[in-house]
mmCIF file of all heavy atoms, coordinates in Angstrom:
data_MODEL
# 
_entry.id   MODEL 
# 
loop_
_atom_site.group_PDB 
_atom_site.id 
_atom_site.type_symbol 
_atom_site.label_atom_id 
_atom_site.label_alt_id 
_atom_site.label_comp_id 
_atom_site.label_asym_id 
_atom_site.label_entity_id 
_atom_site.label_seq_id 
_atom_site.pdbx_PDB_ins_code 
_atom_site.Cartn_x 
_atom_site.Cartn_y 
_atom_site.Cartn_z 
_atom_site.occupancy 
_atom_site.B_iso_or_equiv 
_atom_site.pdbx_formal_charge 
_atom_site.auth_seq_id 
_atom_site.auth_comp_id 
_atom_site.auth_asym_id 
_atom_site.auth_atom_id 
_atom_site.pdbx_PDB_model_num 
ATOM 1   N N   . LYS A 1 1  ? 8.491   5.073   -11.764 1.00 0.00 ? 1  LYS A N   1 
ATOM 2   C CA  . LYS A 1 1  ? 8.713   5.537   -10.391 1.00 0.00 ? 1  LYS A CA  1 
ATOM 3   C C   . LYS A 1 1  ? 7.378   5.773   -9.677  1.00 0.00 ? 1  LYS A C   1 
ATOM 4   O O   . LYS A 1 1  ? 7.044   6.909   -9.320  1.00 0.00 ? 1  LYS A O   1 
ATOM 5   C CB  . LYS A 1 1  ? 9.530   6.834   -10.397 1.00 0.00 ? 1  LYS A CB  1 
ATOM 6   C CG  . LYS A 1 1  ? 10.966  6.671   -10.887 1.00 0.00 ? 1  LYS A CG  1 
ATOM 7   C CD  . LYS A 1 1  ? 11.708  8.002   -10.846 1.00 0.00 ? 1  LYS A CD  1 
ATOM 8   C CE  . LYS A 1 1  ? 13.144  7.841   -11.334 1.00 0.00 ? 1  LYS A CE  1 
ATOM 9   N NZ  . LYS A 1 1  ? 13.871  9.146   -11.323 1.00 0.00 ? 1  LYS A NZ  1 
ATOM 10  N N   . PRO A 1 2  ? 6.613   4.715   -9.453  1.00 0.00 ? 2  PRO A N   1 
ATOM 11  C CA  . PRO A 1 2  ? 5.333   4.906   -8.753  1.00 0.00 ? 2  PRO A CA  1 
ATOM 12  C C   . PRO A 1 2  ? 5.564   5.267   -7.294  1.00 0.00 ? 2  PRO A C   1 
ATOM 13  O O   . PRO A 1 2  ? 6.558   4.852   -6.693  1.00 0.00 ? 2  PRO A O   1 
ATOM 14  C CB  . PRO A 1 2  ? 4.666   3.533   -8.878  1.00 0.00 ? 2  PRO A CB  1 
ATOM 15  C CG  . PRO A 1 2  ? 5.812   2.572   -8.948  1.00 0.00 ? 2  PRO A CG  1 
ATOM 16  C CD  . PRO A 1 2  ? 6.892   3.295   -9.716  1.00 0.00 ? 2  PRO A CD  1 
ATOM 17  N N   . GLU A 1 3  ? 4.652   6.044   -6.738  1.00 0.00 ? 3  GLU A N   1 
ATOM 18  C CA  . GLU A 1 3  ? 4.739   6.356   -5.309  1.00 0.00 ? 3  GLU A CA  1 
ATOM 19  C C   . GLU A 1 3  ? 4.533   5.101   -4.463  1.00 0.00 ? 3  GLU A C   1 
ATOM 20  O O   . GLU A 1 3  ? 5.142   4.935   -3.413  1.00 0.00 ? 3  GLU A O   1 
ATOM 21  C CB  . GLU A 1 3  ? 3.695   7.416   -4.934  1.00 0.00 ? 3  GLU A CB  1 
ATOM 22  C CG  . GLU A 1 3  ? 4.067   8.845   -5.291  1.00 0.00 ? 3  GLU A CG  1 
ATOM 23  C CD  . GLU A 1 3  ? 3.981   9.162   -6.772  1.00 0.00 ? 3  GLU A CD  1 
ATOM 24  O OE1 . GLU A 1 3  ? 3.322   8.414   -7.527  1.00 0.00 ? 3  GLU A OE1 1 
ATOM 25  O OE2 . GLU A 1 3  ? 4.579   10.171  -7.193  1.00 0.00 ? 3  GLU A OE2 1 
ATOM 26  N N   . ILE A 1 4  ? 3.654   4.222   -4.941  1.00 0.00 ? 4  ILE A N   1 
ATOM 27  C CA  . ILE A 1 4  ? 3.365   2.978   -4.227  1.00 0.00 ? 4  ILE A CA  1 
ATOM 28  C C   . ILE A 1 4  ? 3.398   1.832   -5.228  1.00 0.00 ? 4  ILE A C   1 
ATOM 29  O O   . ILE A 1 4  ? 2.770   1.906   -6.288  1.00 0.00 ? 4  ILE A O   1 
ATOM 30  C CB  . ILE A 1 4  ? 1.972   3.024   -3.555  1.00 0.00 ? 4  ILE A CB  1 
ATOM 31  C CG1 . ILE A 1 4  ? 1.846   4.222   -2.605  1.00 0.00 ? 4  ILE A CG1 1 
ATOM 32  C CG2 . ILE A 1 4  ? 1.689   1.717   -2.797  1.00 0.00 ? 4  ILE A CG2 1 
ATOM 33  C CD1 . ILE A 1 4  ? 0.439   4.457   -2.096  1.00 0.00 ? 4  ILE A CD1 1 
ATOM 34  N N   . GLN A 1 5  ? 4.137   0.777   -4.906  1.00 0.00 ? 5  GLN A N   1 
ATOM 35  C CA  . GLN A 1 5  ? 4.172   -0.423  -5.748  1.00 0.00 ? 5  GLN A CA  1 
ATOM 36  C C   . GLN A 1 5  ? 3.816   -1.625  -4.884  1.00 0.00 ? 5  GLN A C   1 
ATOM 37  O O   . GLN A 1 5  ? 4.461   -1.881  -3.869  1.00 0.00 ? 5  GLN A O   1 
ATOM 38  C CB  . GLN A 1 5  ? 5.544   -0.617  -6.398  1.00 0.00 ? 5  GLN A CB  1 
ATOM 39  C CG  . GLN A 1 5  ? 5.606   -1.813  -7.343  1.00 0.00 ? 5  GLN A CG  1 
ATOM 40  C CD  . GLN A 1 5  ? 6.858   -1.805  -8.215  1.00 0.00 ? 5  GLN A CD  1 
ATOM 41  O OE1 . GLN A 1 5  ? 7.625   -0.841  -8.211  1.00 0.00 ? 5  GLN A OE1 1 
ATOM 42  N NE2 . GLN A 1 5  ? 7.065   -2.856  -8.963  1.00 0.00 ? 5  GLN A NE2 1 
ATOM 43  N N   . ILE A 1 6  ? 2.786   -2.336  -5.304  1.00 0.00 ? 6  ILE A N   1 
ATOM 44  C CA  . ILE A 1 6  ? 2.305   -3.480  -4.532  1.00 0.00 ? 6  ILE A CA  1 
ATOM 45  C C   . ILE A 1 6  ? 2.406   -4.736  -5.384  1.00 0.00 ? 6  ILE A C   1 
ATOM 46  O O   . ILE A 1 6  ? 1.780   -4.826  -6.446  1.00 0.00 ? 6  ILE A O   1 
ATOM 47  C CB  . ILE A 1 6  ? 0.850   -3.262  -4.071  1.00 0.00 ? 6  ILE A CB  1 
ATOM 48  C CG1 . ILE A 1 6  ? 0.765   -2.054  -3.120  1.00 0.00 ? 6  ILE A CG1 1 
ATOM 49  C CG2 . ILE A 1 6  ? 0.299   -4.522  -3.396  1.00 0.00 ? 6  ILE A CG2 1 
ATOM 50  C CD1 . ILE A 1 6  ? -0.641  -1.655  -2.760  1.00 0.00 ? 6  ILE A CD1 1 
ATOM 51  N N   . LYS A 1 7  ? 3.188   -5.697  -4.929  1.00 0.00 ? 7  LYS A N   1 
ATOM 52  C CA  . LYS A 1 7  ? 3.283   -6.997  -5.591  1.00 0.00 ? 7  LYS A CA  1 
ATOM 53  C C   . LYS A 1 7  ? 2.058   -7.804  -5.165  1.00 0.00 ? 7  LYS A C   1 
ATOM 54  O O   . LYS A 1 7  ? 2.038   -8.393  -4.080  1.00 0.00 ? 7  LYS A O   1 
ATOM 55  C CB  . LYS A 1 7  ? 4.568   -7.714  -5.167  1.00 0.00 ? 7  LYS A CB  1 
ATOM 56  C CG  . LYS A 1 7  ? 5.844   -6.970  -5.536  1.00 0.00 ? 7  LYS A CG  1 
ATOM 57  C CD  . LYS A 1 7  ? 6.261   -7.256  -6.956  1.00 0.00 ? 7  LYS A CD  1 
ATOM 58  C CE  . LYS A 1 7  ? 7.644   -6.678  -7.260  1.00 0.00 ? 7  LYS A CE  1 
ATOM 59  N NZ  . LYS A 1 7  ? 8.056   -6.919  -8.648  1.00 0.00 ? 7  LYS A NZ  1 
ATOM 60  N N   . ASN A 1 8  ? 1.039   -7.788  -6.004  1.00 0.00 ? 8  ASN A N   1 
ATOM 61  C CA  . ASN A 1 8  ? -0.240  -8.391  -5.620  1.00 0.00 ? 8  ASN A CA  1 
ATOM 62  C C   . ASN A 1 8  ? -0.306  -9.853  -6.058  1.00 0.00 ? 8  ASN A C   1 
ATOM 63  O O   . ASN A 1 8  ? -1.121  -10.246 -6.889  1.00 0.00 ? 8  ASN A O   1 
ATOM 64  C CB  . ASN A 1 8  ? -1.398  -7.587  -6.217  1.00 0.00 ? 8  ASN A CB  1 
ATOM 65  C CG  . ASN A 1 8  ? -2.727  -7.971  -5.605  1.00 0.00 ? 8  ASN A CG  1 
ATOM 66  O OD1 . ASN A 1 8  ? -2.779  -8.488  -4.506  1.00 0.00 ? 8  ASN A OD1 1 
ATOM 67  N ND2 . ASN A 1 8  ? -3.808  -7.731  -6.330  1.00 0.00 ? 8  ASN A ND2 1 
ATOM 68  N N   . ASP A 1 9  ? 0.588   -10.631 -5.474  1.00 0.00 ? 9  ASP A N   1 
ATOM 69  C CA  . ASP A 1 9  ? 0.640   -12.067 -5.767  1.00 0.00 ? 9  ASP A CA  1 
ATOM 70  C C   . ASP A 1 9  ? 1.032   -12.776 -4.472  1.00 0.00 ? 9  ASP A C   1 
ATOM 71  O O   . ASP A 1 9  ? 2.140   -12.596 -3.977  1.00 0.00 ? 9  ASP A O   1 
ATOM 72  C CB  . ASP A 1 9  ? 1.663   -12.340 -6.869  1.00 0.00 ? 9  ASP A CB  1 
ATOM 73  C CG  . ASP A 1 9  ? 1.777   -13.818 -7.209  1.00 0.00 ? 9  ASP A CG  1 
ATOM 74  O OD1 . ASP A 1 9  ? 0.849   -14.567 -6.885  1.00 0.00 ? 9  ASP A OD1 1 
ATOM 75  O OD2 . ASP A 1 9  ? 2.803   -14.211 -7.796  1.00 0.00 ? 9  ASP A OD2 1 
ATOM 76  N N   . GLY A 1 10 ? 0.095   -13.504 -3.895  1.00 0.00 ? 10 GLY A N   1 
ATOM 77  C CA  . GLY A 1 10 ? 0.398   -14.204 -2.649  1.00 0.00 ? 10 GLY A CA  1 
ATOM 78  C C   . GLY A 1 10 ? 0.146   -13.379 -1.403  1.00 0.00 ? 10 GLY A C   1 
ATOM 79  O O   . GLY A 1 10 ? 0.538   -13.770 -0.305  1.00 0.00 ? 10 GLY A O   1 
ATOM 80  N N   . ILE A 1 11 ? -0.481  -12.195 -1.556  1.00 0.00 ? 11 ILE A N   1 
ATOM 81  C CA  . ILE A 1 11 ? -0.858  -11.396 -0.389  1.00 0.00 ? 11 ILE A CA  1 
ATOM 82  C C   . ILE A 1 11 ? -2.370  -11.160 -0.423  1.00 0.00 ? 11 ILE A C   1 
ATOM 83  O O   . ILE A 1 11 ? -2.999  -11.281 -1.474  1.00 0.00 ? 11 ILE A O   1 
ATOM 84  C CB  . ILE A 1 11 ? -0.113  -10.042 -0.317  1.00 0.00 ? 11 ILE A CB  1 
ATOM 85  C CG1 . ILE A 1 11 ? -0.532  -9.119  -1.482  1.00 0.00 ? 11 ILE A CG1 1 
ATOM 86  C CG2 . ILE A 1 11 ? 1.392   -10.240 -0.299  1.00 0.00 ? 11 ILE A CG2 1 
ATOM 87  C CD1 . ILE A 1 11 ? -0.040  -7.690  -1.329  1.00 0.00 ? 11 ILE A CD1 1 
ATOM 88  N N   . SER A 1 12 ? -2.930  -10.830 0.714   1.00 0.00 ? 12 SER A N   1 
ATOM 89  C CA  . SER A 1 12 ? -4.373  -10.598 0.785   1.00 0.00 ? 12 SER A CA  1 
ATOM 90  C C   . SER A 1 12 ? -4.713  -9.190  0.303   1.00 0.00 ? 12 SER A C   1 
ATOM 91  O O   . SER A 1 12 ? -3.854  -8.290  0.302   1.00 0.00 ? 12 SER A O   1 
ATOM 92  C CB  . SER A 1 12 ? -4.871  -10.778 2.222   1.00 0.00 ? 12 SER A CB  1 
ATOM 93  O OG  . SER A 1 12 ? -4.359  -9.740  3.048   1.00 0.00 ? 12 SER A OG  1 
ATOM 94  N N   . ILE A 1 13 ? -5.961  -9.010  -0.103  1.00 0.00 ? 13 ILE A N   1 
ATOM 95  C CA  . ILE A 1 13 ? -6.453  -7.686  -0.490  1.00 0.00 ? 13 ILE A CA  1 
ATOM 96  C C   . ILE A 1 13 ? -6.314  -6.732  0.695   1.00 0.00 ? 13 ILE A C   1 
ATOM 97  O O   . ILE A 1 13 ? -5.948  -5.560  0.532   1.00 0.00 ? 13 ILE A O   1 
ATOM 98  C CB  . ILE A 1 13 ? -7.923  -7.762  -0.945  1.00 0.00 ? 13 ILE A CB  1 
ATOM 99  C CG1 . ILE A 1 13 ? -8.061  -8.593  -2.230  1.00 0.00 ? 13 ILE A CG1 1 
ATOM 100 C CG2 . ILE A 1 13 ? -8.500  -6.358  -1.154  1.00 0.00 ? 13 ILE A CG2 1 
ATOM 101 C CD1 . ILE A 1 13 ? -7.351  -8.014  -3.430  1.00 0.00 ? 13 ILE A CD1 1 
ATOM 102 N N   . GLU A 1 14 ? -6.571  -7.221  1.897   1.00 0.00 ? 14 GLU A N   1 
ATOM 103 C CA  . GLU A 1 14 ? -6.501  -6.398  3.105   1.00 0.00 ? 14 GLU A CA  1 
ATOM 104 C C   . GLU A 1 14 ? -5.081  -5.882  3.340   1.00 0.00 ? 14 GLU A C   1 
ATOM 105 O O   . GLU A 1 14 ? -4.878  -4.714  3.700   1.00 0.00 ? 14 GLU A O   1 
ATOM 106 C CB  . GLU A 1 14 ? -6.978  -7.198  4.320   1.00 0.00 ? 14 GLU A CB  1 
ATOM 107 C CG  . GLU A 1 14 ? -8.459  -7.538  4.325   1.00 0.00 ? 14 GLU A CG  1 
ATOM 108 C CD  . GLU A 1 14 ? -8.845  -8.648  3.352   1.00 0.00 ? 14 GLU A CD  1 
ATOM 109 O OE1 . GLU A 1 14 ? -7.957  -9.433  2.952   1.00 0.00 ? 14 GLU A OE1 1 
ATOM 110 O OE2 . GLU A 1 14 ? -10.041 -8.714  2.988   1.00 0.00 ? 14 GLU A OE2 1 
ATOM 111 N N   . THR A 1 15 ? -4.093  -6.753  3.114   1.00 0.00 ? 15 THR A N   1 
ATOM 112 C CA  . THR A 1 15 ? -2.687  -6.346  3.281   1.00 0.00 ? 15 THR A CA  1 
ATOM 113 C C   . THR A 1 15 ? -2.308  -5.297  2.246   1.00 0.00 ? 15 THR A C   1 
ATOM 114 O O   . THR A 1 15 ? -1.652  -4.297  2.566   1.00 0.00 ? 15 THR A O   1 
ATOM 115 C CB  . THR A 1 15 ? -1.757  -7.572  3.165   1.00 0.00 ? 15 THR A CB  1 
ATOM 116 O OG1 . THR A 1 15 ? -2.072  -8.501  4.194   1.00 0.00 ? 15 THR A OG1 1 
ATOM 117 C CG2 . THR A 1 15 ? -0.294  -7.162  3.285   1.00 0.00 ? 15 THR A CG2 1 
ATOM 118 N N   . ALA A 1 16 ? -2.723  -5.530  1.006   1.00 0.00 ? 16 ALA A N   1 
ATOM 119 C CA  . ALA A 1 16 ? -2.437  -4.564  -0.065  1.00 0.00 ? 16 ALA A CA  1 
ATOM 120 C C   . ALA A 1 16 ? -3.054  -3.209  0.252   1.00 0.00 ? 16 ALA A C   1 
ATOM 121 O O   . ALA A 1 16 ? -2.406  -2.161  0.103   1.00 0.00 ? 16 ALA A O   1 
ATOM 122 C CB  . ALA A 1 16 ? -2.961  -5.096  -1.401  1.00 0.00 ? 16 ALA A CB  1 
ATOM 123 N N   . ALA A 1 17 ? -4.299  -3.224  0.713   1.00 0.00 ? 17 ALA A N   1 
ATOM 124 C CA  . ALA A 1 17 ? -4.992  -1.969  1.039   1.00 0.00 ? 17 ALA A CA  1 
ATOM 125 C C   . ALA A 1 17 ? -4.309  -1.255  2.197   1.00 0.00 ? 17 ALA A C   1 
ATOM 126 O O   . ALA A 1 17 ? -4.162  -0.028  2.185   1.00 0.00 ? 17 ALA A O   1 
ATOM 127 C CB  . ALA A 1 17 ? -6.456  -2.253  1.379   1.00 0.00 ? 17 ALA A CB  1 
ATOM 128 N N   . GLN A 1 18 ? -3.869  -2.007  3.182   1.00 0.00 ? 18 GLN A N   1 
ATOM 129 C CA  . GLN A 1 18 ? -3.217  -1.399  4.340   1.00 0.00 ? 18 GLN A CA  1 
ATOM 130 C C   . GLN A 1 18 ? -1.916  -0.723  3.950   1.00 0.00 ? 18 GLN A C   1 
ATOM 131 O O   . GLN A 1 18 ? -1.539  0.300   4.530   1.00 0.00 ? 18 GLN A O   1 
ATOM 132 C CB  . GLN A 1 18 ? -2.955  -2.453  5.424   1.00 0.00 ? 18 GLN A CB  1 
ATOM 133 C CG  . GLN A 1 18 ? -2.492  -1.860  6.750   1.00 0.00 ? 18 GLN A CG  1 
ATOM 134 C CD  . GLN A 1 18 ? -3.484  -0.888  7.352   1.00 0.00 ? 18 GLN A CD  1 
ATOM 135 O OE1 . GLN A 1 18 ? -4.669  -1.197  7.472   1.00 0.00 ? 18 GLN A OE1 1 
ATOM 136 N NE2 . GLN A 1 18 ? -3.023  0.311   7.718   1.00 0.00 ? 18 GLN A NE2 1 
ATOM 137 N N   . ASN A 1 19 ? -1.221  -1.259  2.933   1.00 0.00 ? 19 ASN A N   1 
ATOM 138 C CA  . ASN A 1 19 ? 0.007   -0.628  2.433   1.00 0.00 ? 19 ASN A CA  1 
ATOM 139 C C   . ASN A 1 19 ? -0.275  0.786   1.935   1.00 0.00 ? 19 ASN A C   1 
ATOM 140 O O   . ASN A 1 19 ? 0.528   1.703   2.136   1.00 0.00 ? 19 ASN A O   1 
ATOM 141 C CB  . ASN A 1 19 ? 0.627   -1.458  1.301   1.00 0.00 ? 19 ASN A CB  1 
ATOM 142 C CG  . ASN A 1 19 ? 1.274   -2.737  1.789   1.00 0.00 ? 19 ASN A CG  1 
ATOM 143 O OD1 . ASN A 1 19 ? 1.576   -2.875  2.974   1.00 0.00 ? 19 ASN A OD1 1 
ATOM 144 N ND2 . ASN A 1 19 ? 1.489   -3.686  0.887   1.00 0.00 ? 19 ASN A ND2 1 
ATOM 145 N N   . VAL A 1 20 ? -1.412  0.949   1.275   1.00 0.00 ? 20 VAL A N   1 
ATOM 146 C CA  . VAL A 1 20 ? -1.790  2.269   0.759   1.00 0.00 ? 20 VAL A CA  1 
ATOM 147 C C   . VAL A 1 20 ? -2.137  3.197   1.920   1.00 0.00 ? 20 VAL A C   1 
ATOM 148 O O   . VAL A 1 20 ? -1.712  4.361   1.950   1.00 0.00 ? 20 VAL A O   1 
ATOM 149 C CB  . VAL A 1 20 ? -2.981  2.157   -0.224  1.00 0.00 ? 20 VAL A CB  1 
ATOM 150 C CG1 . VAL A 1 20 ? -3.399  3.546   -0.718  1.00 0.00 ? 20 VAL A CG1 1 
ATOM 151 C CG2 . VAL A 1 20 ? -2.615  1.262   -1.403  1.00 0.00 ? 20 VAL A CG2 1 
ATOM 152 N N   . ILE A 1 21 ? -2.899  2.693   2.878   1.00 0.00 ? 21 ILE A N   1 
ATOM 153 C CA  . ILE A 1 21 ? -3.259  3.497   4.049   1.00 0.00 ? 21 ILE A CA  1 
ATOM 154 C C   . ILE A 1 21 ? -2.004  3.935   4.798   1.00 0.00 ? 21 ILE A C   1 
ATOM 155 O O   . ILE A 1 21 ? -1.891  5.092   5.236   1.00 0.00 ? 21 ILE A O   1 
ATOM 156 C CB  . ILE A 1 21 ? -4.194  2.698   4.988   1.00 0.00 ? 21 ILE A CB  1 
ATOM 157 C CG1 . ILE A 1 21 ? -5.535  2.399   4.300   1.00 0.00 ? 21 ILE A CG1 1 
ATOM 158 C CG2 . ILE A 1 21 ? -4.406  3.446   6.304   1.00 0.00 ? 21 ILE A CG2 1 
ATOM 159 C CD1 . ILE A 1 21 ? -6.375  3.614   3.965   1.00 0.00 ? 21 ILE A CD1 1 
ATOM 160 N N   . ASP A 1 22 ? -1.038  3.032   4.947   1.00 0.00 ? 22 ASP A N   1 
ATOM 161 C CA  . ASP A 1 22 ? 0.215   3.360   5.640   1.00 0.00 ? 22 ASP A CA  1 
ATOM 162 C C   . ASP A 1 22 ? 0.947   4.493   4.929   1.00 0.00 ? 22 ASP A C   1 
ATOM 163 O O   . ASP A 1 22 ? 1.481   5.409   5.582   1.00 0.00 ? 22 ASP A O   1 
ATOM 164 C CB  . ASP A 1 22 ? 1.125   2.128   5.722   1.00 0.00 ? 22 ASP A CB  1 
ATOM 165 C CG  . ASP A 1 22 ? 0.579   1.067   6.669   1.00 0.00 ? 22 ASP A CG  1 
ATOM 166 O OD1 . ASP A 1 22 ? -0.321  1.386   7.466   1.00 0.00 ? 22 ASP A OD1 1 
ATOM 167 O OD2 . ASP A 1 22 ? 1.053   -0.092  6.599   1.00 0.00 ? 22 ASP A OD2 1 
ATOM 168 N N   . TYR A 1 23 ? 0.953   4.456   3.594   1.00 0.00 ? 23 TYR A N   1 
ATOM 169 C CA  . TYR A 1 23 ? 1.590   5.537   2.821   1.00 0.00 ? 23 TYR A CA  1 
ATOM 170 C C   . TYR A 1 23 ? 0.892   6.870   3.081   1.00 0.00 ? 23 TYR A C   1 
ATOM 171 O O   . TYR A 1 23 ? 1.549   7.898   3.292   1.00 0.00 ? 23 TYR A O   1 
ATOM 172 C CB  . TYR A 1 23 ? 1.557   5.209   1.325   1.00 0.00 ? 23 TYR A CB  1 
ATOM 173 C CG  . TYR A 1 23 ? 2.143   6.299   0.459   1.00 0.00 ? 23 TYR A CG  1 
ATOM 174 C CD1 . TYR A 1 23 ? 3.483   6.298   0.096   1.00 0.00 ? 23 TYR A CD1 1 
ATOM 175 C CD2 . TYR A 1 23 ? 1.348   7.362   0.003   1.00 0.00 ? 23 TYR A CD2 1 
ATOM 176 C CE1 . TYR A 1 23 ? 4.025   7.308   -0.683  1.00 0.00 ? 23 TYR A CE1 1 
ATOM 177 C CE2 . TYR A 1 23 ? 1.875   8.381   -0.774  1.00 0.00 ? 23 TYR A CE2 1 
ATOM 178 C CZ  . TYR A 1 23 ? 3.227   8.346   -1.107  1.00 0.00 ? 23 TYR A CZ  1 
ATOM 179 O OH  . TYR A 1 23 ? 3.759   9.372   -1.882  1.00 0.00 ? 23 TYR A OH  1 
ATOM 180 N N   . LEU A 1 24 ? -0.425  6.857   3.083   1.00 0.00 ? 24 LEU A N   1 
ATOM 181 C CA  . LEU A 1 24 ? -1.189  8.091   3.302   1.00 0.00 ? 24 LEU A CA  1 
ATOM 182 C C   . LEU A 1 24 ? -0.936  8.661   4.690   1.00 0.00 ? 24 LEU A C   1 
ATOM 183 O O   . LEU A 1 24 ? -0.811  9.876   4.867   1.00 0.00 ? 24 LEU A O   1 
ATOM 184 C CB  . LEU A 1 24 ? -2.682  7.824   3.096   1.00 0.00 ? 24 LEU A CB  1 
ATOM 185 C CG  . LEU A 1 24 ? -3.134  7.464   1.676   1.00 0.00 ? 24 LEU A CG  1 
ATOM 186 C CD1 . LEU A 1 24 ? -4.619  7.122   1.657   1.00 0.00 ? 24 LEU A CD1 1 
ATOM 187 C CD2 . LEU A 1 24 ? -2.831  8.592   0.699   1.00 0.00 ? 24 LEU A CD2 1 
ATOM 188 N N   . LYS A 1 25 ? -0.817  7.779   5.672   1.00 0.00 ? 25 LYS A N   1 
ATOM 189 C CA  . LYS A 1 25 ? -0.537  8.230   7.036   1.00 0.00 ? 25 LYS A CA  1 
ATOM 190 C C   . LYS A 1 25 ? 0.870   8.791   7.151   1.00 0.00 ? 25 LYS A C   1 
ATOM 191 O O   . LYS A 1 25 ? 1.092   9.861   7.725   1.00 0.00 ? 25 LYS A O   1 
ATOM 192 C CB  . LYS A 1 25 ? -0.726  7.070   8.014   1.00 0.00 ? 25 LYS A CB  1 
ATOM 193 C CG  . LYS A 1 25 ? -2.170  6.701   8.283   1.00 0.00 ? 25 LYS A CG  1 
ATOM 194 C CD  . LYS A 1 25 ? -2.263  5.548   9.288   1.00 0.00 ? 25 LYS A CD  1 
ATOM 195 C CE  . LYS A 1 25 ? -3.695  5.213   9.638   1.00 0.00 ? 25 LYS A CE  1 
ATOM 196 N NZ  . LYS A 1 25 ? -3.776  4.064   10.574  1.00 0.00 ? 25 LYS A NZ  1 
ATOM 197 N N   . GLU A 1 26 ? 1.836   8.051   6.606   1.00 0.00 ? 26 GLU A N   1 
ATOM 198 C CA  . GLU A 1 26 ? 3.247   8.468   6.701   1.00 0.00 ? 26 GLU A CA  1 
ATOM 199 C C   . GLU A 1 26 ? 3.496   9.809   6.025   1.00 0.00 ? 26 GLU A C   1 
ATOM 200 O O   . GLU A 1 26 ? 4.350   10.585  6.462   1.00 0.00 ? 26 GLU A O   1 
ATOM 201 C CB  . GLU A 1 26 ? 4.147   7.394   6.066   1.00 0.00 ? 26 GLU A CB  1 
ATOM 202 C CG  . GLU A 1 26 ? 4.261   6.110   6.881   1.00 0.00 ? 26 GLU A CG  1 
ATOM 203 C CD  . GLU A 1 26 ? 4.832   4.956   6.082   1.00 0.00 ? 26 GLU A CD  1 
ATOM 204 O OE1 . GLU A 1 26 ? 5.345   5.190   4.961   1.00 0.00 ? 26 GLU A OE1 1 
ATOM 205 O OE2 . GLU A 1 26 ? 4.756   3.795   6.568   1.00 0.00 ? 26 GLU A OE2 1 
ATOM 206 N N   . ASN A 1 27 ? 2.741   10.079  4.961   1.00 0.00 ? 27 ASN A N   1 
ATOM 207 C CA  . ASN A 1 27 ? 2.919   11.325  4.217   1.00 0.00 ? 27 ASN A CA  1 
ATOM 208 C C   . ASN A 1 27 ? 1.878   12.386  4.566   1.00 0.00 ? 27 ASN A C   1 
ATOM 209 O O   . ASN A 1 27 ? 1.736   13.376  3.868   1.00 0.00 ? 27 ASN A O   1 
ATOM 210 C CB  . ASN A 1 27 ? 2.919   11.027  2.712   1.00 0.00 ? 27 ASN A CB  1 
ATOM 211 C CG  . ASN A 1 27 ? 4.165   10.247  2.302   1.00 0.00 ? 27 ASN A CG  1 
ATOM 212 O OD1 . ASN A 1 27 ? 5.207   10.824  2.057   1.00 0.00 ? 27 ASN A OD1 1 
ATOM 213 N ND2 . ASN A 1 27 ? 4.043   8.915   2.251   1.00 0.00 ? 27 ASN A ND2 1 
ATOM 214 N N   . LYS A 1 28 ? 1.136   12.113  5.673   1.00 0.00 ? 28 LYS A N   1 
ATOM 215 C CA  . LYS A 1 28 ? 0.224   13.097  6.268   1.00 0.00 ? 28 LYS A CA  1 
ATOM 216 C C   . LYS A 1 28 ? -0.914  13.546  5.328   1.00 0.00 ? 28 LYS A C   1 
ATOM 217 O O   . LYS A 1 28 ? -1.333  14.695  5.377   1.00 0.00 ? 28 LYS A O   1 
ATOM 218 C CB  . LYS A 1 28 ? 1.014   14.304  6.785   1.00 0.00 ? 28 LYS A CB  1 
ATOM 219 C CG  . LYS A 1 28 ? 1.976   13.917  7.915   1.00 0.00 ? 28 LYS A CG  1 
ATOM 220 C CD  . LYS A 1 28 ? 2.711   15.116  8.466   1.00 0.00 ? 28 LYS A CD  1 
ATOM 221 C CE  . LYS A 1 28 ? 3.465   14.774  9.731   1.00 0.00 ? 28 LYS A CE  1 
ATOM 222 N NZ  . LYS A 1 28 ? 4.364   13.584  9.624   1.00 0.00 ? 28 LYS A NZ  1 
ATOM 223 N N   . TYR A 1 29 ? -1.386  12.621  4.510   1.00 0.00 ? 29 TYR A N   1 
ATOM 224 C CA  . TYR A 1 29 ? -2.617  12.895  3.755   1.00 0.00 ? 29 TYR A CA  1 
ATOM 225 C C   . TYR A 1 29 ? -3.824  12.689  4.651   1.00 0.00 ? 29 TYR A C   1 
ATOM 226 O O   . TYR A 1 29 ? -4.858  13.311  4.477   1.00 0.00 ? 29 TYR A O   1 
ATOM 227 C CB  . TYR A 1 29 ? -2.704  12.000  2.532   1.00 0.00 ? 29 TYR A CB  1 
ATOM 228 C CG  . TYR A 1 29 ? -1.713  12.346  1.440   1.00 0.00 ? 29 TYR A CG  1 
ATOM 229 C CD1 . TYR A 1 29 ? -0.473  11.738  1.381   1.00 0.00 ? 29 TYR A CD1 1 
ATOM 230 C CD2 . TYR A 1 29 ? -2.027  13.295  0.473   1.00 0.00 ? 29 TYR A CD2 1 
ATOM 231 C CE1 . TYR A 1 29 ? 0.449   12.053  0.388   1.00 0.00 ? 29 TYR A CE1 1 
ATOM 232 C CE2 . TYR A 1 29 ? -1.123  13.631  -0.537  1.00 0.00 ? 29 TYR A CE2 1 
ATOM 233 C CZ  . TYR A 1 29 ? 0.118   13.014  -0.556  1.00 0.00 ? 29 TYR A CZ  1 
ATOM 234 O OH  . TYR A 1 29 ? 1.028   13.342  -1.537  1.00 0.00 ? 29 TYR A OH  1 
# 
């Protein structure tokens, strides 16, 4: 049950990183 799961196949590093940033913003970190 990870807080964030990124399928890192066929996506850019930038997209993967932005997913993490979006989580931090949504959860007010």
